[in-house]
Amino acid sequence: MKIKPIKKAGSHRTGTLTNISVEDINTILGFAPNVQDDPYKVKHSWGFKVGKHECGIWDYKGSEKWGEFSTYGPDTVFDKLFGDNYTN
């Protein structure tokens, strides 16, 4: 699965990653957070494309502290990348 970083945040939450860290996400995606998001609500934000699908991952109001991140994109992409850590 080819992952290409893009500078675009996810538009709305379509799923959730749980029991995962920023470092785990960096390792799986192959890059560190790359999107400037709302600094009052989001500390870490990744934007990327898999094929034609634009995807995003971000923490929301400190959710990274308990290992939870919001996602935007197709379930098939997140299931393959994150397995049991992903729920829709």
PDB file of N, CA and C in Angstrom:
ATOM      1  N   MET A   1       0.856  -1.174   0.000  1.00  0.00           N
ATOM      2  CA  MET A   1       0.000   0.000   0.000  1.00  0.00           C
ATOM      3  C   MET A   1       0.900   1.235   0.000  1.00  0.00           C
ATOM      4  N   LYS A   2       0.781   2.067  -1.031  1.00  0.00           N
ATOM      5  CA  LYS A   2       1.601   3.272  -1.139  1.00  0.00           C
ATOM      6  C   LYS A   2       0.908   4.443  -0.450  1.00  0.00           C
ATOM      7  N   ILE A   3       1.619   5.069   0.494  1.00  0.00           N
ATOM      8  CA  ILE A   3       1.108   6.192   1.260  1.00  0.00           C
ATOM      9  C   ILE A   3       1.862   7.442   0.833  1.00  0.00           C
ATOM     10  N   LYS A   4       1.117   8.464   0.404  1.00  0.00           N
ATOM     11  CA  LYS A   4       1.732   9.722  -0.039  1.00  0.00           C
ATOM     12  C   LYS A   4       1.267  10.846   0.878  1.00  0.00           C
ATOM     13  N   PRO A   5       2.191  11.518   1.581  1.00  0.00           N
ATOM     14  CA  PRO A   5       1.802  12.645   2.453  1.00  0.00           C
ATOM     15  C   PRO A   5       1.186  13.783   1.637  1.00  0.00           C
ATOM     16  N   ILE A   6       0.128  14.396   2.168  1.00  0.00           N
ATOM     17  CA  ILE A   6      -0.466  15.601   1.588  1.00  0.00           C
ATOM     18  C   ILE A   6      -0.702  16.599   2.720  1.00  0.00           C
ATOM     19  N   LYS A   7      -0.762  17.864   2.376  1.00  0.00           N
ATOM     20  CA  LYS A   7      -0.940  18.925   3.386  1.00  0.00           C
ATOM     21  C   LYS A   7      -2.421  19.281   3.536  1.00  0.00           C
ATOM     22  N   LYS A   8      -3.265  18.284   3.757  1.00  0.00           N
ATOM     23  CA  LYS A   8      -4.699  18.511   3.877  1.00  0.00           C
ATOM     24  C   LYS A   8      -5.238  17.692   5.043  1.00  0.00           C
ATOM     25  N   ALA A   9      -5.951  18.364   5.938  1.00  0.00           N
ATOM     26  CA  ALA A   9      -6.537  17.692   7.100  1.00  0.00           C
ATOM     27  C   ALA A   9      -7.800  16.934   6.697  1.00  0.00           C
ATOM     28  N   GLY A  10      -8.161  15.926   7.484  1.00  0.00           N
ATOM     29  CA  GLY A  10      -9.424  15.223   7.267  1.00  0.00           C
ATOM     30  C   GLY A  10     -10.595  16.162   7.499  1.00  0.00           C
ATOM     31  N   SER A  11     -11.643  16.031   6.704  1.00  0.00           N
ATOM     32  CA  SER A  11     -12.752  16.989   6.788  1.00  0.00           C
ATOM     33  C   SER A  11     -13.722  16.699   7.935  1.00  0.00           C
ATOM     34  N   HIS A  12     -13.858  15.431   8.316  1.00  0.00           N
ATOM     35  CA  HIS A  12     -14.732  15.057   9.428  1.00  0.00           C
ATOM     36  C   HIS A  12     -14.364  13.638   9.870  1.00  0.00           C
ATOM     37  N   ARG A  13     -14.754  13.285  11.063  1.00  0.00           N
ATOM     38  CA  ARG A  13     -14.390  11.969  11.599  1.00  0.00           C
ATOM     39  C   ARG A  13     -15.257  10.878  10.992  1.00  0.00           C
ATOM     40  N   THR A  14     -14.595   9.850  10.455  1.00  0.00           N
ATOM     41  CA  THR A  14     -15.306   8.679   9.942  1.00  0.00           C
ATOM     42  C   THR A  14     -14.927   7.414  10.713  1.00  0.00           C
ATOM     43  N   GLY A  15     -13.920   7.522  11.587  1.00  0.00           N
ATOM     44  CA  GLY A  15     -13.478   6.372  12.366  1.00  0.00           C
ATOM     45  C   GLY A  15     -12.579   6.804  13.502  1.00  0.00           C
ATOM     46  N   THR A  16     -12.084   5.809  14.244  1.00  0.00           N
ATOM     47  CA  THR A  16     -11.271   6.082  15.429  1.00  0.00           C
ATOM     48  C   THR A  16     -10.138   5.072  15.528  1.00  0.00           C
ATOM     49  N   LEU A  17      -8.958   5.568  15.913  1.00  0.00           N
ATOM     50  CA  LEU A  17      -7.849   4.705  16.280  1.00  0.00           C
ATOM     51  C   LEU A  17      -7.754   4.712  17.804  1.00  0.00           C
ATOM     52  N   THR A  18      -7.570   3.545  18.402  1.00  0.00           N
ATOM     53  CA  THR A  18      -7.451   3.445  19.857  1.00  0.00           C
ATOM     54  C   THR A  18      -6.220   2.629  20.219  1.00  0.00           C
ATOM     55  N   ASN A  19      -5.762   2.824  21.461  1.00  0.00           N
ATOM     56  CA  ASN A  19      -4.600   2.090  21.979  1.00  0.00           C
ATOM     57  C   ASN A  19      -3.398   2.228  21.050  1.00  0.00           C
ATOM     58  N   ILE A  20      -3.114   3.464  20.652  1.00  0.00           N
ATOM     59  CA  ILE A  20      -2.021   3.719  19.711  1.00  0.00           C
ATOM     60  C   ILE A  20      -1.362   5.046  20.079  1.00  0.00           C
ATOM     61  N   SER A  21      -0.092   5.191  19.758  1.00  0.00           N
ATOM     62  CA  SER A  21       0.644   6.409  20.086  1.00  0.00           C
ATOM     63  C   SER A  21       1.015   7.185  18.823  1.00  0.00           C
ATOM     64  N   VAL A  22       1.461   8.410  19.026  1.00  0.00           N
ATOM     65  CA  VAL A  22       1.957   9.228  17.919  1.00  0.00           C
ATOM     66  C   VAL A  22       3.109   8.490  17.228  1.00  0.00           C
ATOM     67  N   GLU A  23       3.999   7.906  18.008  1.00  0.00           N
ATOM     68  CA  GLU A  23       5.141   7.191  17.453  1.00  0.00           C
ATOM     69  C   GLU A  23       4.699   5.996  16.613  1.00  0.00           C
ATOM     70  N   ASP A  24       3.679   5.272  17.074  1.00  0.00           N
ATOM     71  CA  ASP A  24       3.149   4.138  16.301  1.00  0.00           C
ATOM     72  C   ASP A  24       2.611   4.609  14.952  1.00  0.00           C
ATOM     73  N   ILE A  25       1.850   5.700  14.966  1.00  0.00           N
ATOM     74  CA  ILE A  25       1.277   6.230  13.722  1.00  0.00           C
ATOM     75  C   ILE A  25       2.398   6.684  12.790  1.00  0.00           C
ATOM     76  N   ASN A  26       3.413   7.384  13.328  1.00  0.00           N
ATOM     77  CA  ASN A  26       4.553   7.806  12.513  1.00  0.00           C
ATOM     78  C   ASN A  26       5.212   6.614  11.828  1.00  0.00           C
ATOM     79  N   THR A  27       5.398   5.541  12.568  1.00  0.00           N
ATOM     80  CA  THR A  27       6.043   4.343  12.029  1.00  0.00           C
ATOM     81  C   THR A  27       5.201   3.717  10.923  1.00  0.00           C
ATOM     82  N   ILE A  28       3.909   3.578  11.152  1.00  0.00           N
ATOM     83  CA  ILE A  28       3.026   2.951  10.160  1.00  0.00           C
ATOM     84  C   ILE A  28       2.933   3.789   8.893  1.00  0.00           C
ATOM     85  N   LEU A  29       2.780   5.113   9.047  1.00  0.00           N
ATOM     86  CA  LEU A  29       2.644   5.975   7.874  1.00  0.00           C
ATOM     87  C   LEU A  29       3.990   6.265   7.204  1.00  0.00           C
ATOM     88  N   GLY A  30       5.062   6.263   7.997  1.00  0.00           N
ATOM     89  CA  GLY A  30       6.380   6.558   7.457  1.00  0.00           C
ATOM     90  C   GLY A  30       6.755   8.028   7.501  1.00  0.00           C
ATOM     91  N   PHE A  31       5.977   8.828   8.234  1.00  0.00           N
ATOM     92  CA  PHE A  31       6.286  10.250   8.388  1.00  0.00           C
ATOM     93  C   PHE A  31       5.596  10.798   9.629  1.00  0.00           C
ATOM     94  N   ALA A  32       6.116  11.938  10.113  1.00  0.00           N
ATOM     95  CA  ALA A  32       5.585  12.612  11.304  1.00  0.00           C
ATOM     96  C   ALA A  32       4.378  13.474  10.925  1.00  0.00           C
ATOM     97  N   PRO A  33       3.635  13.976  11.920  1.00  0.00           N
ATOM     98  CA  PRO A  33       2.509  14.861  11.616  1.00  0.00           C
ATOM     99  C   PRO A  33       2.941  15.959  10.637  1.00  0.00           C
ATOM    100  N   ASN A  34       2.112  16.191   9.608  1.00  0.00           N
ATOM    101  CA  ASN A  34       2.503  17.079   8.519  1.00  0.00           C
ATOM    102  C   ASN A  34       1.467  18.136   8.159  1.00  0.00           C
ATOM    103  N   VAL A  35       0.389  18.255   8.943  1.00  0.00           N
ATOM    104  CA  VAL A  35      -0.679  19.192   8.620  1.00  0.00           C
ATOM    105  C   VAL A  35      -0.833  20.205   9.754  1.00  0.00           C
ATOM    106  N   GLN A  36      -0.898  21.478   9.397  1.00  0.00           N
ATOM    107  CA  GLN A  36      -1.212  22.511  10.384  1.00  0.00           C
ATOM    108  C   GLN A  36      -2.721  22.505  10.557  1.00  0.00           C
ATOM    109  N   ASP A  37      -3.161  22.214  11.766  1.00  0.00           N
ATOM    110  CA  ASP A  37      -4.585  22.115  12.064  1.00  0.00           C
ATOM    111  C   ASP A  37      -4.929  23.177  13.104  1.00  0.00           C
ATOM    112  N   ASP A  38      -6.151  23.192  13.573  1.00  0.00           N
ATOM    113  CA  ASP A  38      -6.589  24.153  14.577  1.00  0.00           C
ATOM    114  C   ASP A  38      -5.778  23.974  15.861  1.00  0.00           C
ATOM    115  N   PRO A  39      -4.897  24.916  16.211  1.00  0.00           N
ATOM    116  CA  PRO A  39      -4.019  24.730  17.366  1.00  0.00           C
ATOM    117  C   PRO A  39      -4.753  24.695  18.709  1.00  0.00           C
ATOM    118  N   TYR A  40      -5.993  25.138  18.742  1.00  0.00           N
ATOM    119  CA  TYR A  40      -6.770  25.103  19.986  1.00  0.00           C
ATOM    120  C   TYR A  40      -7.412  23.738  20.221  1.00  0.00           C
ATOM    121  N   LYS A  41      -7.489  22.925  19.170  1.00  0.00           N
ATOM    122  CA  LYS A  41      -8.158  21.634  19.288  1.00  0.00           C
ATOM    123  C   LYS A  41      -7.270  20.446  18.921  1.00  0.00           C
ATOM    124  N   VAL A  42      -6.258  20.662  18.084  1.00  0.00           N
ATOM    125  CA  VAL A  42      -5.488  19.553  17.523  1.00  0.00           C
ATOM    126  C   VAL A  42      -3.994  19.791  17.717  1.00  0.00           C
ATOM    127  N   LYS A  43      -3.307  18.783  18.253  1.00  0.00           N
ATOM    128  CA  LYS A  43      -1.863  18.872  18.446  1.00  0.00           C
ATOM    129  C   LYS A  43      -1.100  18.123  17.351  1.00  0.00           C
ATOM    130  N   HIS A  44      -1.613  16.968  16.925  1.00  0.00           N
ATOM    131  CA  HIS A  44      -0.967  16.134  15.908  1.00  0.00           C
ATOM    132  C   HIS A  44      -1.961  15.863  14.781  1.00  0.00           C
ATOM    133  N   SER A  45      -1.536  16.095  13.533  1.00  0.00           N
ATOM    134  CA  SER A  45      -2.427  15.883  12.392  1.00  0.00           C
ATOM    135  C   SER A  45      -1.617  15.405  11.188  1.00  0.00           C
ATOM    136  N   TRP A  46      -2.074  14.313  10.586  1.00  0.00           N
ATOM    137  CA  TRP A  46      -1.449  13.746   9.401  1.00  0.00           C
ATOM    138  C   TRP A  46      -2.440  13.792   8.244  1.00  0.00           C
ATOM    139  N   GLY A  47      -1.971  14.153   7.068  1.00  0.00           N
ATOM    140  CA  GLY A  47      -2.765  14.080   5.851  1.00  0.00           C
ATOM    141  C   GLY A  47      -2.023  13.209   4.856  1.00  0.00           C
ATOM    142  N   PHE A  48      -2.760  12.332   4.151  1.00  0.00           N
ATOM    143  CA  PHE A  48      -2.092  11.434   3.207  1.00  0.00           C
ATOM    144  C   PHE A  48      -3.099  10.890   2.191  1.00  0.00           C
ATOM    145  N   LYS A  49      -2.555  10.385   1.099  1.00  0.00           N
ATOM    146  CA  LYS A  49      -3.357   9.718   0.074  1.00  0.00           C
ATOM    147  C   LYS A  49      -2.908   8.276  -0.037  1.00  0.00           C
ATOM    148  N   VAL A  50      -3.882   7.406  -0.224  1.00  0.00           N
ATOM    149  CA  VAL A  50      -3.627   6.013  -0.554  1.00  0.00           C
ATOM    150  C   VAL A  50      -4.429   5.776  -1.825  1.00  0.00           C
ATOM    151  N   GLY A  51      -3.718   5.607  -2.942  1.00  0.00           N
ATOM    152  CA  GLY A  51      -4.401   5.546  -4.227  1.00  0.00           C
ATOM    153  C   GLY A  51      -5.103   6.868  -4.478  1.00  0.00           C
ATOM    154  N   LYS A  52      -6.392   6.815  -4.775  1.00  0.00           N
ATOM    155  CA  LYS A  52      -7.168   8.036  -5.017  1.00  0.00           C
ATOM    156  C   LYS A  52      -7.818   8.583  -3.751  1.00  0.00           C
ATOM    157  N   HIS A  53      -7.653   7.881  -2.620  1.00  0.00           N
ATOM    158  CA  HIS A  53      -8.344   8.244  -1.383  1.00  0.00           C
ATOM    159  C   HIS A  53      -7.541   9.215  -0.533  1.00  0.00           C
ATOM    160  N   GLU A  54      -8.129  10.367  -0.224  1.00  0.00           N
ATOM    161  CA  GLU A  54      -7.525  11.302   0.720  1.00  0.00           C
ATOM    162  C   GLU A  54      -7.920  10.877   2.127  1.00  0.00           C
ATOM    163  N   CYS A  55      -6.931  10.858   3.029  1.00  0.00           N
ATOM    164  CA  CYS A  55      -7.157  10.375   4.388  1.00  0.00           C
ATOM    165  C   CYS A  55      -6.537  11.342   5.394  1.00  0.00           C
ATOM    166  N   GLY A  56      -7.000  11.249   6.618  1.00  0.00           N
ATOM    167  CA  GLY A  56      -6.438  12.067   7.680  1.00  0.00           C
ATOM    168  C   GLY A  56      -6.532  11.377   9.024  1.00  0.00           C
ATOM    169  N   ILE A  57      -5.622  11.759   9.896  1.00  0.00           N
ATOM    170  CA  ILE A  57      -5.616  11.297  11.289  1.00  0.00           C
ATOM    171  C   ILE A  57      -5.289  12.509  12.141  1.00  0.00           C
ATOM    172  N   TRP A  58      -5.985  12.667  13.264  1.00  0.00           N
ATOM    173  CA  TRP A  58      -5.695  13.774  14.170  1.00  0.00           C
ATOM    174  C   TRP A  58      -6.167  13.441  15.573  1.00  0.00           C
ATOM    175  N   ASP A  59      -5.519  14.100  16.541  1.00  0.00           N
ATOM    176  CA  ASP A  59      -5.989  13.996  17.917  1.00  0.00           C
ATOM    177  C   ASP A  59      -6.964  15.163  18.137  1.00  0.00           C
ATOM    178  N   TYR A  60      -7.810  15.055  19.110  1.00  0.00           N
ATOM    179  CA  TYR A  60      -8.807  16.096  19.353  1.00  0.00           C
ATOM    180  C   TYR A  60      -8.848  16.411  20.835  1.00  0.00           C
ATOM    181  N   LYS A  61      -8.480  17.637  21.147  1.00  0.00           N
ATOM    182  CA  LYS A  61      -8.525  18.132  22.529  1.00  0.00           C
ATOM    183  C   LYS A  61      -7.865  17.182  23.529  1.00  0.00           C
ATOM    184  N   GLY A  62      -6.632  16.774  23.213  1.00  0.00           N
ATOM    185  CA  GLY A  62      -5.858  15.960  24.148  1.00  0.00           C
ATOM    186  C   GLY A  62      -6.087  14.465  24.071  1.00  0.00           C
ATOM    187  N   SER A  63      -6.829  14.004  23.075  1.00  0.00           N
ATOM    188  CA  SER A  63      -7.140  12.573  23.009  1.00  0.00           C
ATOM    189  C   SER A  63      -5.901  11.697  22.857  1.00  0.00           C
ATOM    190  N   GLU A  64      -4.783  12.266  22.375  1.00  0.00           N
ATOM    191  CA  GLU A  64      -3.554  11.474  22.250  1.00  0.00           C
ATOM    192  C   GLU A  64      -3.067  10.989  23.613  1.00  0.00           C
ATOM    193  N   LYS A  65      -3.448  11.684  24.680  1.00  0.00           N
ATOM    194  CA  LYS A  65      -3.014  11.295  26.025  1.00  0.00           C
ATOM    195  C   LYS A  65      -3.571   9.938  26.442  1.00  0.00           C
ATOM    196  N   TRP A  66      -4.722   9.563  25.904  1.00  0.00           N
ATOM    197  CA  TRP A  66      -5.277   8.242  26.210  1.00  0.00           C
ATOM    198  C   TRP A  66      -5.261   7.332  24.983  1.00  0.00           C
ATOM    199  N   GLY A  67      -4.411   7.664  23.982  1.00  0.00           N
ATOM    200  CA  GLY A  67      -4.184   6.780  22.839  1.00  0.00           C
ATOM    201  C   GLY A  67      -5.306   6.737  21.842  1.00  0.00           C
ATOM    202  N   GLU A  68      -6.045   7.843  21.688  1.00  0.00           N
ATOM    203  CA  GLU A  68      -7.184   7.864  20.757  1.00  0.00           C
ATOM    204  C   GLU A  68      -7.024   8.983  19.725  1.00  0.00           C
ATOM    205  N   PHE A  69      -7.290   8.638  18.453  1.00  0.00           N
ATOM    206  CA  PHE A  69      -7.166   9.579  17.346  1.00  0.00           C
ATOM    207  C   PHE A  69      -8.364   9.431  16.420  1.00  0.00           C
ATOM    208  N   SER A  70      -8.802  10.530  15.841  1.00  0.00           N
ATOM    209  CA  SER A  70      -9.882  10.521  14.858  1.00  0.00           C
ATOM    210  C   SER A  70      -9.294  10.252  13.477  1.00  0.00           C
ATOM    211  N   THR A  71     -10.103   9.641  12.613  1.00  0.00           N
ATOM    212  CA  THR A  71      -9.659   9.353  11.250  1.00  0.00           C
ATOM    213  C   THR A  71     -10.684   9.827  10.240  1.00  0.00           C
ATOM    214  N   TYR A  72     -10.188  10.082   9.028  1.00  0.00           N
ATOM    215  CA  TYR A  72     -11.048  10.388   7.892  1.00  0.00           C
ATOM    216  C   TYR A  72     -10.539   9.565   6.715  1.00  0.00           C
ATOM    217  N   GLY A  73     -11.416   8.801   6.106  1.00  0.00           N
ATOM    218  CA  GLY A  73     -11.046   8.009   4.944  1.00  0.00           C
ATOM    219  C   GLY A  73     -11.759   6.673   4.955  1.00  0.00           C
ATOM    220  N   PRO A  74     -11.539   5.872   3.906  1.00  0.00           N
ATOM    221  CA  PRO A  74     -12.233   4.589   3.778  1.00  0.00           C
ATOM    222  C   PRO A  74     -11.806   3.569   4.835  1.00  0.00           C
ATOM    223  N   ASP A  75     -12.781   2.809   5.300  1.00  0.00           N
ATOM    224  CA  ASP A  75     -12.506   1.756   6.282  1.00  0.00           C
ATOM    225  C   ASP A  75     -11.442   0.786   5.774  1.00  0.00           C
ATOM    226  N   THR A  76     -11.489   0.456   4.490  1.00  0.00           N
ATOM    227  CA  THR A  76     -10.541  -0.521   3.941  1.00  0.00           C
ATOM    228  C   THR A  76      -9.097  -0.073   4.123  1.00  0.00           C
ATOM    229  N   VAL A  77      -8.827   1.215   3.951  1.00  0.00           N
ATOM    230  CA  VAL A  77      -7.473   1.750   4.119  1.00  0.00           C
ATOM    231  C   VAL A  77      -7.034   1.624   5.576  1.00  0.00           C
ATOM    232  N   PHE A  78      -7.887   2.062   6.497  1.00  0.00           N
ATOM    233  CA  PHE A  78      -7.508   2.052   7.914  1.00  0.00           C
ATOM    234  C   PHE A  78      -7.471   0.643   8.488  1.00  0.00           C
ATOM    235  N   ASP A  79      -8.344  -0.242   8.015  1.00  0.00           N
ATOM    236  CA  ASP A  79      -8.276  -1.649   8.438  1.00  0.00           C
ATOM    237  C   ASP A  79      -6.925  -2.258   8.067  1.00  0.00           C
ATOM    238  N   LYS A  80      -6.472  -2.016   6.837  1.00  0.00           N
ATOM    239  CA  LYS A  80      -5.192  -2.578   6.387  1.00  0.00           C
ATOM    240  C   LYS A  80      -4.014  -1.973   7.127  1.00  0.00           C
ATOM    241  N   LEU A  81      -4.047  -0.673   7.358  1.00  0.00           N
ATOM    242  CA  LEU A  81      -2.920  -0.007   8.004  1.00  0.00           C
ATOM    243  C   LEU A  81      -2.860  -0.260   9.510  1.00  0.00           C
ATOM    244  N   PHE A  82      -4.013  -0.243  10.181  1.00  0.00           N
ATOM    245  CA  PHE A  82      -4.028  -0.222  11.654  1.00  0.00           C
ATOM    246  C   PHE A  82      -4.708  -1.438  12.294  1.00  0.00           C
ATOM    247  N   GLY A  83      -5.289  -2.313  11.516  1.00  0.00           N
ATOM    248  CA  GLY A  83      -5.879  -3.535  12.043  1.00  0.00           C
ATOM    249  C   GLY A  83      -6.836  -3.315  13.193  1.00  0.00           C
ATOM    250  N   ASP A  84      -6.606  -4.011  14.304  1.00  0.00           N
ATOM    251  CA  ASP A  84      -7.505  -3.959  15.453  1.00  0.00           C
ATOM    252  C   ASP A  84      -7.534  -2.605  16.173  1.00  0.00           C
ATOM    253  N   ASN A  85      -6.589  -1.742  15.868  1.00  0.00           N
ATOM    254  CA  ASN A  85      -6.593  -0.414  16.481  1.00  0.00           C
ATOM    255  C   ASN A  85      -7.628   0.513  15.837  1.00  0.00           C
ATOM    256  N   TYR A  86      -8.246   0.079  14.733  1.00  0.00           N
ATOM    257  CA  TYR A  86      -9.205   0.911  14.008  1.00  0.00           C
ATOM    258  C   TYR A  86     -10.636   0.424  14.215  1.00  0.00           C
ATOM    259  N   THR A  87     -11.544   1.370  14.471  1.00  0.00           N
ATOM    260  CA  THR A  87     -12.982   1.081  14.477  1.00  0.00           C
ATOM    261  C   THR A  87     -13.690   2.206  13.729  1.00  0.00           C
ATOM    262  N   ASN A  88     -14.803   1.860  13.086  1.00  0.00           N
ATOM    263  CA  ASN A  88     -15.566   2.886  12.362  1.00  0.00           C
ATOM    264  C   ASN A  88     -16.833   3.221  13.083  1.00  0.00           C
TER     265      ASN A  88
END
